[in-house]
Amino acid sequence: MQRIATFVMLAALAGLPSACSLGSLEKRYKDVTGRSDKKESRVELNSAGRKQLAALPGLTRDDADRIIAHRPYEKRRDLVAKGVLSEGQFEKIRESVYVEHRNE
């Protein structure tokens, strides 16, 4: 319900709802809230492939290979704790990655 209210508010701020594209609304949502509404826009550390990981800001294919080699991760911070990435690299990708917790 909150998403609908946010959508309506953003559409009203944008002017005519029919003149707004979905991409424009998503950008405005991020501008207003400071975060993206799309979980899929982030990369899950324990399942992402080399190509997805290497596409993250400031990371290389070698960084991606190290991330894969040191799996599994319980939290994002494990990238630094396990010595996979430097603190600076981690800060660049912090908001672009997540760890999904599954109940087994």
PDB file of N, CA and C in Angstrom:
ATOM      1  N   MET A   1       0.816  -1.185   0.000  1.00  0.00           N
ATOM      2  CA  MET A   1       0.000   0.000   0.000  1.00  0.00           C
ATOM      3  C   MET A   1       0.870   1.263   0.000  1.00  0.00           C
ATOM      4  N   GLN A   2       1.984   1.200   0.750  1.00  0.00           N
ATOM      5  CA  GLN A   2       2.877   2.347   0.809  1.00  0.00           C
ATOM      6  C   GLN A   2       3.485   2.624  -0.558  1.00  0.00           C
ATOM      7  N   ARG A   3       3.779   1.579  -1.313  1.00  0.00           N
ATOM      8  CA  ARG A   3       4.343   1.765  -2.657  1.00  0.00           C
ATOM      9  C   ARG A   3       3.351   2.489  -3.560  1.00  0.00           C
ATOM     10  N   ILE A   4       2.083   2.133  -3.424  1.00  0.00           N
ATOM     11  CA  ILE A   4       1.056   2.780  -4.243  1.00  0.00           C
ATOM     12  C   ILE A   4       0.980   4.254  -3.886  1.00  0.00           C
ATOM     13  N   ALA A   5       0.992   4.564  -2.591  1.00  0.00           N
ATOM     14  CA  ALA A   5       0.938   5.959  -2.163  1.00  0.00           C
ATOM     15  C   ALA A   5       2.150   6.730  -2.670  1.00  0.00           C
ATOM     16  N   THR A   6       3.317   6.093  -2.611  1.00  0.00           N
ATOM     17  CA  THR A   6       4.532   6.730  -3.106  1.00  0.00           C
ATOM     18  C   THR A   6       4.428   6.971  -4.607  1.00  0.00           C
ATOM     19  N   PHE A   7       3.914   5.983  -5.327  1.00  0.00           N
ATOM     20  CA  PHE A   7       3.755   6.100  -6.774  1.00  0.00           C
ATOM     21  C   PHE A   7       2.827   7.254  -7.120  1.00  0.00           C
ATOM     22  N   VAL A   8       1.695   7.339  -6.430  1.00  0.00           N
ATOM     23  CA  VAL A   8       0.732   8.408  -6.695  1.00  0.00           C
ATOM     24  C   VAL A   8       1.356   9.766  -6.393  1.00  0.00           C
ATOM     25  N   MET A   9       2.083   9.852  -5.272  1.00  0.00           N
ATOM     26  CA  MET A   9       2.725  11.105  -4.908  1.00  0.00           C
ATOM     27  C   MET A   9       3.752  11.519  -5.966  1.00  0.00           C
ATOM     28  N   LEU A  10       4.543  10.572  -6.401  1.00  0.00           N
ATOM     29  CA  LEU A  10       5.561  10.882  -7.408  1.00  0.00           C
ATOM     30  C   LEU A  10       4.935  11.263  -8.739  1.00  0.00           C
ATOM     31  N   ALA A  11       3.853  10.577  -9.093  1.00  0.00           N
ATOM     32  CA  ALA A  11       3.161  10.906 -10.337  1.00  0.00           C
ATOM     33  C   ALA A  11       2.613  12.328 -10.277  1.00  0.00           C
ATOM     34  N   ALA A  12       2.073  12.702  -9.123  1.00  0.00           N
ATOM     35  CA  ALA A  12       1.543  14.064  -8.959  1.00  0.00           C
ATOM     36  C   ALA A  12       2.664  15.089  -9.037  1.00  0.00           C
ATOM     37  N   LEU A  13       3.816  14.768  -8.434  1.00  0.00           N
ATOM     38  CA  LEU A  13       4.948  15.688  -8.488  1.00  0.00           C
ATOM     39  C   LEU A  13       5.499  15.829  -9.897  1.00  0.00           C
ATOM     40  N   ALA A  14       5.372  14.786 -10.673  1.00  0.00           N
ATOM     41  CA  ALA A  14       5.929  14.786 -12.024  1.00  0.00           C
ATOM     42  C   ALA A  14       5.029  15.523 -13.018  1.00  0.00           C
ATOM     43  N   GLY A  15       3.844  15.863 -12.611  1.00  0.00           N
ATOM     44  CA  GLY A  15       2.926  16.545 -13.531  1.00  0.00           C
ATOM     45  C   GLY A  15       1.852  15.582 -13.979  1.00  0.00           C
ATOM     46  N   LEU A  16       1.730  15.397 -15.252  1.00  0.00           N
ATOM     47  CA  LEU A  16       0.711  14.496 -15.777  1.00  0.00           C
ATOM     48  C   LEU A  16       1.193  13.055 -15.696  1.00  0.00           C
ATOM     49  N   PRO A  17       0.451  12.176 -15.037  1.00  0.00           N
ATOM     50  CA  PRO A  17       0.867  10.779 -14.914  1.00  0.00           C
ATOM     51  C   PRO A  17       1.100  10.106 -16.260  1.00  0.00           C
ATOM     52  N   SER A  18       0.309  10.438 -17.258  1.00  0.00           N
ATOM     53  CA  SER A  18       0.463   9.786 -18.558  1.00  0.00           C
ATOM     54  C   SER A  18       1.742  10.220 -19.270  1.00  0.00           C
ATOM     55  N   ALA A  19       2.307  11.330 -18.877  1.00  0.00           N
ATOM     56  CA  ALA A  19       3.520  11.826 -19.519  1.00  0.00           C
ATOM     57  C   ALA A  19       4.789  11.271 -18.875  1.00  0.00           C
ATOM     58  N   CYS A  20       4.631  10.524 -17.793  1.00  0.00           N
ATOM     59  CA  CYS A  20       5.789  10.000 -17.059  1.00  0.00           C
ATOM     60  C   CYS A  20       6.110   8.589 -17.502  1.00  0.00           C
ATOM     61  N   SER A  21       7.371   8.323 -17.674  1.00  0.00           N
ATOM     62  CA  SER A  21       7.779   6.952 -17.956  1.00  0.00           C
ATOM     63  C   SER A  21       8.077   6.256 -16.639  1.00  0.00           C
ATOM     64  N   LEU A  22       8.047   4.933 -16.638  1.00  0.00           N
ATOM     65  CA  LEU A  22       8.325   4.168 -15.433  1.00  0.00           C
ATOM     66  C   LEU A  22       9.745   4.433 -14.950  1.00  0.00           C
ATOM     67  N   GLY A  23      10.694   4.520 -15.855  1.00  0.00           N
ATOM     68  CA  GLY A  23      12.085   4.800 -15.480  1.00  0.00           C
ATOM     69  C   GLY A  23      12.223   6.133 -14.774  1.00  0.00           C
ATOM     70  N   SER A  24      11.482   7.113 -15.245  1.00  0.00           N
ATOM     71  CA  SER A  24      11.503   8.433 -14.621  1.00  0.00           C
ATOM     72  C   SER A  24      10.968   8.358 -13.198  1.00  0.00           C
ATOM     73  N   LEU A  25       9.896   7.621 -12.999  1.00  0.00           N
ATOM     74  CA  LEU A  25       9.320   7.482 -11.664  1.00  0.00           C
ATOM     75  C   LEU A  25      10.271   6.749 -10.721  1.00  0.00           C
ATOM     76  N   GLU A  26      10.940   5.702 -11.230  1.00  0.00           N
ATOM     77  CA  GLU A  26      11.897   4.977 -10.392  1.00  0.00           C
ATOM     78  C   GLU A  26      13.030   5.895  -9.965  1.00  0.00           C
ATOM     79  N   LYS A  27      13.518   6.727 -10.878  1.00  0.00           N
ATOM     80  CA  LYS A  27      14.589   7.654 -10.538  1.00  0.00           C
ATOM     81  C   LYS A  27      14.113   8.647  -9.487  1.00  0.00           C
ATOM     82  N   ARG A  28      12.913   9.164  -9.667  1.00  0.00           N
ATOM     83  CA  ARG A  28      12.367  10.112  -8.696  1.00  0.00           C
ATOM     84  C   ARG A  28      12.182   9.456  -7.338  1.00  0.00           C
ATOM     85  N   TYR A  29      11.752   8.192  -7.318  1.00  0.00           N
ATOM     86  CA  TYR A  29      11.598   7.471  -6.049  1.00  0.00           C
ATOM     87  C   TYR A  29      12.942   7.403  -5.346  1.00  0.00           C
ATOM     88  N   LYS A  30      13.989   7.062  -6.089  1.00  0.00           N
ATOM     89  CA  LYS A  30      15.315   6.965  -5.493  1.00  0.00           C
ATOM     90  C   LYS A  30      15.780   8.336  -5.007  1.00  0.00           C
ATOM     91  N   ASP A  31      15.505   9.382  -5.782  1.00  0.00           N
ATOM     92  CA  ASP A  31      15.895  10.730  -5.373  1.00  0.00           C
ATOM     93  C   ASP A  31      15.207  11.144  -4.073  1.00  0.00           C
ATOM     94  N   VAL A  32      13.942  10.771  -3.915  1.00  0.00           N
ATOM     95  CA  VAL A  32      13.172  11.153  -2.733  1.00  0.00           C
ATOM     96  C   VAL A  32      13.570  10.322  -1.519  1.00  0.00           C
ATOM     97  N   THR A  33      13.715   9.010  -1.692  1.00  0.00           N
ATOM     98  CA  THR A  33      13.953   8.114  -0.556  1.00  0.00           C
ATOM     99  C   THR A  33      15.423   7.844  -0.295  1.00  0.00           C
ATOM    100  N   GLY A  34      16.270   8.051  -1.289  1.00  0.00           N
ATOM    101  CA  GLY A  34      17.685   7.747  -1.131  1.00  0.00           C
ATOM    102  C   GLY A  34      18.013   6.295  -1.366  1.00  0.00           C
ATOM    103  N   ARG A  35      17.026   5.511  -1.773  1.00  0.00           N
ATOM    104  CA  ARG A  35      17.273   4.100  -2.048  1.00  0.00           C
ATOM    105  C   ARG A  35      16.402   3.650  -3.213  1.00  0.00           C
ATOM    106  N   SER A  36      16.792   2.548  -3.787  1.00  0.00           N
ATOM    107  CA  SER A  36      16.043   1.997  -4.904  1.00  0.00           C
ATOM    108  C   SER A  36      14.957   1.071  -4.376  1.00  0.00           C
ATOM    109  N   ASP A  37      13.853   0.994  -5.080  1.00  0.00           N
ATOM    110  CA  ASP A  37      12.768   0.105  -4.697  1.00  0.00           C
ATOM    111  C   ASP A  37      12.994  -1.295  -5.248  1.00  0.00           C
ATOM    112  N   LYS A  38      13.953  -1.462  -6.105  1.00  0.00           N
ATOM    113  CA  LYS A  38      14.165  -2.740  -6.765  1.00  0.00           C
ATOM    114  C   LYS A  38      15.279  -3.530  -6.097  1.00  0.00           C
ATOM    115  N   LYS A  39      14.921  -4.652  -5.493  1.00  0.00           N
ATOM    116  CA  LYS A  39      15.937  -5.520  -4.912  1.00  0.00           C
ATOM    117  C   LYS A  39      16.806  -6.095  -6.023  1.00  0.00           C
ATOM    118  N   GLU A  40      16.197  -6.366  -7.185  1.00  0.00           N
ATOM    119  CA  GLU A  40      16.943  -6.967  -8.282  1.00  0.00           C
ATOM    120  C   GLU A  40      17.985  -6.028  -8.879  1.00  0.00           C
ATOM    121  N   SER A  41      17.971  -4.770  -8.505  1.00  0.00           N
ATOM    122  CA  SER A  41      19.000  -3.865  -8.994  1.00  0.00           C
ATOM    123  C   SER A  41      20.303  -4.069  -8.216  1.00  0.00           C
ATOM    124  N   ARG A  42      20.220  -4.824  -7.120  1.00  0.00           N
ATOM    125  CA  ARG A  42      21.405  -5.140  -6.329  1.00  0.00           C
ATOM    126  C   ARG A  42      21.849  -6.563  -6.626  1.00  0.00           C
ATOM    127  N   VAL A  43      23.062  -6.884  -6.236  1.00  0.00           N
ATOM    128  CA  VAL A  43      23.659  -8.181  -6.531  1.00  0.00           C
ATOM    129  C   VAL A  43      23.764  -9.004  -5.247  1.00  0.00           C
ATOM    130  N   GLU A  44      23.295 -10.240  -5.298  1.00  0.00           N
ATOM    131  CA  GLU A  44      23.376 -11.139  -4.150  1.00  0.00           C
ATOM    132  C   GLU A  44      24.745 -11.810  -4.153  1.00  0.00           C
ATOM    133  N   LEU A  45      25.500 -11.633  -3.081  1.00  0.00           N
ATOM    134  CA  LEU A  45      26.903 -12.070  -3.042  1.00  0.00           C
ATOM    135  C   LEU A  45      27.116 -13.571  -3.175  1.00  0.00           C
ATOM    136  N   ASN A  46      26.191 -14.376  -2.687  1.00  0.00           N
ATOM    137  CA  ASN A  46      26.389 -15.820  -2.701  1.00  0.00           C
ATOM    138  C   ASN A  46      25.921 -16.508  -3.977  1.00  0.00           C
ATOM    139  N   SER A  47      25.254 -15.784  -4.855  1.00  0.00           N
ATOM    140  CA  SER A  47      24.756 -16.428  -6.076  1.00  0.00           C
ATOM    141  C   SER A  47      25.130 -15.701  -7.371  1.00  0.00           C
ATOM    142  N   ALA A  48      25.617 -14.486  -7.277  1.00  0.00           N
ATOM    143  CA  ALA A  48      25.941 -13.705  -8.479  1.00  0.00           C
ATOM    144  C   ALA A  48      27.105 -14.326  -9.238  1.00  0.00           C
ATOM    145  N   GLY A  49      27.055 -14.183 -10.541  1.00  0.00           N
ATOM    146  CA  GLY A  49      28.128 -14.677 -11.391  1.00  0.00           C
ATOM    147  C   GLY A  49      29.266 -13.672 -11.499  1.00  0.00           C
ATOM    148  N   ARG A  50      30.343 -14.142 -12.091  1.00  0.00           N
ATOM    149  CA  ARG A  50      31.547 -13.315 -12.252  1.00  0.00           C
ATOM    150  C   ARG A  50      31.244 -12.013 -12.986  1.00  0.00           C
ATOM    151  N   LYS A  51      30.455 -12.097 -14.039  1.00  0.00           N
ATOM    152  CA  LYS A  51      30.155 -10.923 -14.857  1.00  0.00           C
ATOM    153  C   LYS A  51      29.380  -9.874 -14.046  1.00  0.00           C
ATOM    154  N   GLN A  52      28.390 -10.316 -13.264  1.00  0.00           N
ATOM    155  CA  GLN A  52      27.619  -9.383 -12.434  1.00  0.00           C
ATOM    156  C   GLN A  52      28.515  -8.709 -11.399  1.00  0.00           C
ATOM    157  N   LEU A  53      29.364  -9.490 -10.761  1.00  0.00           N
ATOM    158  CA  LEU A  53      30.235  -8.951  -9.716  1.00  0.00           C
ATOM    159  C   LEU A  53      31.268  -7.985 -10.292  1.00  0.00           C
ATOM    160  N   ALA A  54      31.856  -8.344 -11.430  1.00  0.00           N
ATOM    161  CA  ALA A  54      32.867  -7.489 -12.047  1.00  0.00           C
ATOM    162  C   ALA A  54      32.280  -6.175 -12.558  1.00  0.00           C
ATOM    163  N   ALA A  55      30.964  -6.128 -12.752  1.00  0.00           N
ATOM    164  CA  ALA A  55      30.302  -4.912 -13.225  1.00  0.00           C
ATOM    165  C   ALA A  55      30.046  -3.910 -12.095  1.00  0.00           C
ATOM    166  N   LEU A  56      30.278  -4.314 -10.861  1.00  0.00           N
ATOM    167  CA  LEU A  56      30.073  -3.406  -9.731  1.00  0.00           C
ATOM    168  C   LEU A  56      31.132  -2.306  -9.753  1.00  0.00           C
ATOM    169  N   PRO A  57      30.824  -1.135  -9.224  1.00  0.00           N
ATOM    170  CA  PRO A  57      31.747   0.007  -9.272  1.00  0.00           C
ATOM    171  C   PRO A  57      33.118  -0.297  -8.669  1.00  0.00           C
ATOM    172  N   GLY A  58      34.146  -0.116  -9.473  1.00  0.00           N
ATOM    173  CA  GLY A  58      35.516  -0.267  -8.989  1.00  0.00           C
ATOM    174  C   GLY A  58      36.035  -1.687  -8.898  1.00  0.00           C
ATOM    175  N   LEU A  59      35.245  -2.687  -9.299  1.00  0.00           N
ATOM    176  CA  LEU A  59      35.701  -4.074  -9.207  1.00  0.00           C
ATOM    177  C   LEU A  59      36.158  -4.605 -10.559  1.00  0.00           C
ATOM    178  N   THR A  60      37.090  -5.531 -10.501  1.00  0.00           N
ATOM    179  CA  THR A  60      37.631  -6.178 -11.701  1.00  0.00           C
ATOM    180  C   THR A  60      37.205  -7.641 -11.727  1.00  0.00           C
ATOM    181  N   ARG A  61      37.563  -8.326 -12.793  1.00  0.00           N
ATOM    182  CA  ARG A  61      37.277  -9.772 -12.870  1.00  0.00           C
ATOM    183  C   ARG A  61      38.032 -10.525 -11.784  1.00  0.00           C
ATOM    184  N   ASP A  62      39.237 -10.070 -11.455  1.00  0.00           N
ATOM    185  CA  ASP A  62      40.002 -10.717 -10.376  1.00  0.00           C
ATOM    186  C   ASP A  62      39.300 -10.544  -9.031  1.00  0.00           C
ATOM    187  N   ASP A  63      38.744  -9.360  -8.794  1.00  0.00           N
ATOM    188  CA  ASP A  63      37.974  -9.133  -7.569  1.00  0.00           C
ATOM    189  C   ASP A  63      36.764 -10.065  -7.529  1.00  0.00           C
ATOM    190  N   ALA A  64      36.083 -10.183  -8.654  1.00  0.00           N
ATOM    191  CA  ALA A  64      34.907 -11.060  -8.744  1.00  0.00           C
ATOM    192  C   ALA A  64      35.303 -12.506  -8.459  1.00  0.00           C
ATOM    193  N   ASP A  65      36.427 -12.937  -9.002  1.00  0.00           N
ATOM    194  CA  ASP A  65      36.899 -14.303  -8.757  1.00  0.00           C
ATOM    195  C   ASP A  65      37.184 -14.538  -7.273  1.00  0.00           C
ATOM    196  N   ARG A  66      37.767 -13.542  -6.596  1.00  0.00           N
ATOM    197  CA  ARG A  66      38.034 -13.661  -5.153  1.00  0.00           C
ATOM    198  C   ARG A  66      36.734 -13.726  -4.356  1.00  0.00           C
ATOM    199  N   ILE A  67      35.756 -12.926  -4.760  1.00  0.00           N
ATOM    200  CA  ILE A  67      34.464 -12.953  -4.076  1.00  0.00           C
ATOM    201  C   ILE A  67      33.849 -14.350  -4.182  1.00  0.00           C
ATOM    202  N   ILE A  68      33.881 -14.916  -5.368  1.00  0.00           N
ATOM    203  CA  ILE A  68      33.320 -16.249  -5.588  1.00  0.00           C
ATOM    204  C   ILE A  68      34.096 -17.301  -4.800  1.00  0.00           C
ATOM    205  N   ALA A  69      35.403 -17.197  -4.777  1.00  0.00           N
ATOM    206  CA  ALA A  69      36.246 -18.189  -4.098  1.00  0.00           C
ATOM    207  C   ALA A  69      36.056 -18.202  -2.584  1.00  0.00           C
ATOM    208  N   HIS A  70      35.638 -17.090  -2.004  1.00  0.00           N
ATOM    209  CA  HIS A  70      35.503 -17.002  -0.540  1.00  0.00           C
ATOM    210  C   HIS A  70      34.069 -17.163  -0.044  1.00  0.00           C
ATOM    211  N   ARG A  71      33.180 -17.625  -0.900  1.00  0.00           N
ATOM    212  CA  ARG A  71      31.799 -17.877  -0.489  1.00  0.00           C
ATOM    213  C   ARG A  71      31.749 -19.030   0.495  1.00  0.00           C
ATOM    214  N   PRO A  72      30.755 -19.082   1.347  1.00  0.00           N
ATOM    215  CA  PRO A  72      29.575 -18.232   1.466  1.00  0.00           C
ATOM    216  C   PRO A  72      29.815 -17.052   2.391  1.00  0.00           C
ATOM    217  N   TYR A  73      28.934 -16.062   2.262  1.00  0.00           N
ATOM    218  CA  TYR A  73      28.959 -14.871   3.098  1.00  0.00           C
ATOM    219  C   TYR A  73      27.689 -14.835   3.946  1.00  0.00           C
ATOM    220  N   GLU A  74      27.825 -14.458   5.196  1.00  0.00           N
ATOM    221  CA  GLU A  74      26.669 -14.308   6.078  1.00  0.00           C
ATOM    222  C   GLU A  74      26.176 -12.866   6.077  1.00  0.00           C
ATOM    223  N   LYS A  75      27.101 -11.938   5.796  1.00  0.00           N
ATOM    224  CA  LYS A  75      26.742 -10.517   5.722  1.00  0.00           C
ATOM    225  C   LYS A  75      27.692  -9.837   4.742  1.00  0.00           C
ATOM    226  N   ARG A  76      27.292  -8.668   4.265  1.00  0.00           N
ATOM    227  CA  ARG A  76      28.109  -7.936   3.283  1.00  0.00           C
ATOM    228  C   ARG A  76      29.504  -7.640   3.808  1.00  0.00           C
ATOM    229  N   ARG A  77      29.587  -7.300   5.072  1.00  0.00           N
ATOM    230  CA  ARG A  77      30.849  -6.906   5.699  1.00  0.00           C
ATOM    231  C   ARG A  77      31.898  -8.013   5.649  1.00  0.00           C
ATOM    232  N   ASP A  78      31.462  -9.259   5.428  1.00  0.00           N
ATOM    233  CA  ASP A  78      32.396 -10.381   5.328  1.00  0.00           C
ATOM    234  C   ASP A  78      33.404 -10.199   4.192  1.00  0.00           C
ATOM    235  N   LEU A  79      33.052  -9.385   3.198  1.00  0.00           N
ATOM    236  CA  LEU A  79      33.988  -9.128   2.102  1.00  0.00           C
ATOM    237  C   LEU A  79      35.282  -8.514   2.629  1.00  0.00           C
ATOM    238  N   VAL A  80      35.173  -7.652   3.613  1.00  0.00           N
ATOM    239  CA  VAL A  80      36.349  -7.018   4.224  1.00  0.00           C
ATOM    240  C   VAL A  80      36.940  -7.936   5.280  1.00  0.00           C
ATOM    241  N   ALA A  81      36.082  -8.545   6.103  1.00  0.00           N
ATOM    242  CA  ALA A  81      36.547  -9.412   7.186  1.00  0.00           C
ATOM    243  C   ALA A  81      37.361 -10.596   6.665  1.00  0.00           C
ATOM    244  N   LYS A  82      37.003 -11.120   5.499  1.00  0.00           N
ATOM    245  CA  LYS A  82      37.721 -12.251   4.910  1.00  0.00           C
ATOM    246  C   LYS A  82      38.897 -11.801   4.048  1.00  0.00           C
ATOM    247  N   GLY A  83      39.107 -10.496   3.941  1.00  0.00           N
ATOM    248  CA  GLY A  83      40.220  -9.974   3.157  1.00  0.00           C
ATOM    249  C   GLY A  83      40.014 -10.046   1.658  1.00  0.00           C
ATOM    250  N   VAL A  84      38.774 -10.158   1.243  1.00  0.00           N
ATOM    251  CA  VAL A  84      38.461 -10.256  -0.185  1.00  0.00           C
ATOM    252  C   VAL A  84      38.566  -8.894  -0.855  1.00  0.00           C
ATOM    253  N   LEU A  85      38.050  -7.858  -0.191  1.00  0.00           N
ATOM    254  CA  LEU A  85      38.093  -6.493  -0.711  1.00  0.00           C
ATOM    255  C   LEU A  85      38.650  -5.553   0.347  1.00  0.00           C
ATOM    256  N   SER A  86      39.212  -4.457  -0.108  1.00  0.00           N
ATOM    257  CA  SER A  86      39.675  -3.426   0.821  1.00  0.00           C
ATOM    258  C   SER A  86      38.464  -2.648   1.332  1.00  0.00           C
ATOM    259  N   GLU A  87      38.653  -1.894   2.376  1.00  0.00           N
ATOM    260  CA  GLU A  87      37.577  -1.070   2.926  1.00  0.00           C
ATOM    261  C   GLU A  87      37.055  -0.088   1.868  1.00  0.00           C
ATOM    262  N   GLY A  88      37.968   0.500   1.102  1.00  0.00           N
ATOM    263  CA  GLY A  88      37.577   1.448   0.056  1.00  0.00           C
ATOM    264  C   GLY A  88      36.734   0.798  -1.027  1.00  0.00           C
ATOM    265  N   GLN A  89      37.135  -0.386  -1.457  1.00  0.00           N
ATOM    266  CA  GLN A  89      36.353  -1.096  -2.468  1.00  0.00           C
ATOM    267  C   GLN A  89      34.966  -1.434  -1.924  1.00  0.00           C
ATOM    268  N   PHE A  90      34.932  -1.894  -0.684  1.00  0.00           N
ATOM    269  CA  PHE A  90      33.662  -2.260  -0.068  1.00  0.00           C
ATOM    270  C   PHE A  90      32.715  -1.065  -0.003  1.00  0.00           C
ATOM    271  N   GLU A  91      33.231   0.093   0.382  1.00  0.00           N
ATOM    272  CA  GLU A  91      32.384   1.283   0.489  1.00  0.00           C
ATOM    273  C   GLU A  91      31.774   1.652  -0.862  1.00  0.00           C
ATOM    274  N   LYS A  92      32.498   1.414  -1.954  1.00  0.00           N
ATOM    275  CA  LYS A  92      31.982   1.732  -3.288  1.00  0.00           C
ATOM    276  C   LYS A  92      30.816   0.833  -3.687  1.00  0.00           C
ATOM    277  N   ILE A  93      30.815  -0.416  -3.192  1.00  0.00           N
ATOM    278  CA  ILE A  93      29.767  -1.356  -3.614  1.00  0.00           C
ATOM    279  C   ILE A  93      28.755  -1.671  -2.520  1.00  0.00           C
ATOM    280  N   ARG A  94      28.955  -1.143  -1.342  1.00  0.00           N
ATOM    281  CA  ARG A  94      28.123  -1.458  -0.164  1.00  0.00           C
ATOM    282  C   ARG A  94      26.625  -1.470  -0.482  1.00  0.00           C
ATOM    283  N   GLU A  95      26.133  -0.450  -1.138  1.00  0.00           N
ATOM    284  CA  GLU A  95      24.694  -0.346  -1.414  1.00  0.00           C
ATOM    285  C   GLU A  95      24.260  -1.146  -2.644  1.00  0.00           C
ATOM    286  N   SER A  96      25.220  -1.725  -3.343  1.00  0.00           N
ATOM    287  CA  SER A  96      24.902  -2.482  -4.557  1.00  0.00           C
ATOM    288  C   SER A  96      24.835  -3.980  -4.316  1.00  0.00           C
ATOM    289  N   VAL A  97      25.175  -4.425  -3.111  1.00  0.00           N
ATOM    290  CA  VAL A  97      25.210  -5.857  -2.819  1.00  0.00           C
ATOM    291  C   VAL A  97      24.378  -6.184  -1.581  1.00  0.00           C
ATOM    292  N   TYR A  98      23.965  -7.438  -1.490  1.00  0.00           N
ATOM    293  CA  TYR A  98      23.252  -7.915  -0.312  1.00  0.00           C
ATOM    294  C   TYR A  98      23.497  -9.410  -0.159  1.00  0.00           C
ATOM    295  N   VAL A  99      23.160  -9.930   1.018  1.00  0.00           N
ATOM    296  CA  VAL A  99      23.239 -11.365   1.287  1.00  0.00           C
ATOM    297  C   VAL A  99      21.843 -11.821   1.657  1.00  0.00           C
ATOM    298  N   GLU A 100      21.350 -12.795   0.916  1.00  0.00           N
ATOM    299  CA  GLU A 100      20.022 -13.316   1.205  1.00  0.00           C
ATOM    300  C   GLU A 100      20.131 -14.399   2.263  1.00  0.00           C
ATOM    301  N   HIS A 101      19.329 -14.277   3.296  1.00  0.00           N
ATOM    302  CA  HIS A 101      19.335 -15.260   4.373  1.00  0.00           C
ATOM    303  C   HIS A 101      18.176 -16.223   4.144  1.00  0.00           C
ATOM    304  N   ARG A 102      18.523 -17.490   4.038  1.00  0.00           N
ATOM    305  CA  ARG A 102      17.510 -18.517   3.805  1.00  0.00           C
ATOM    306  C   ARG A 102      17.344 -19.369   5.048  1.00  0.00           C
ATOM    307  N   ASN A 103      16.112 -19.663   5.378  1.00  0.00           N
ATOM    308  CA  ASN A 103      15.838 -20.562   6.500  1.00  0.00           C
ATOM    309  C   ASN A 103      15.862 -21.991   6.001  1.00  0.00           C
ATOM    310  N   GLU A 104      16.755 -22.746   6.559  1.00  0.00           N
ATOM    311  CA  GLU A 104      16.862 -24.158   6.111  1.00  0.00           C
ATOM    312  C   GLU A 104      16.476 -25.096   7.203  1.00  0.00           C
TER     313      GLU A 104
END
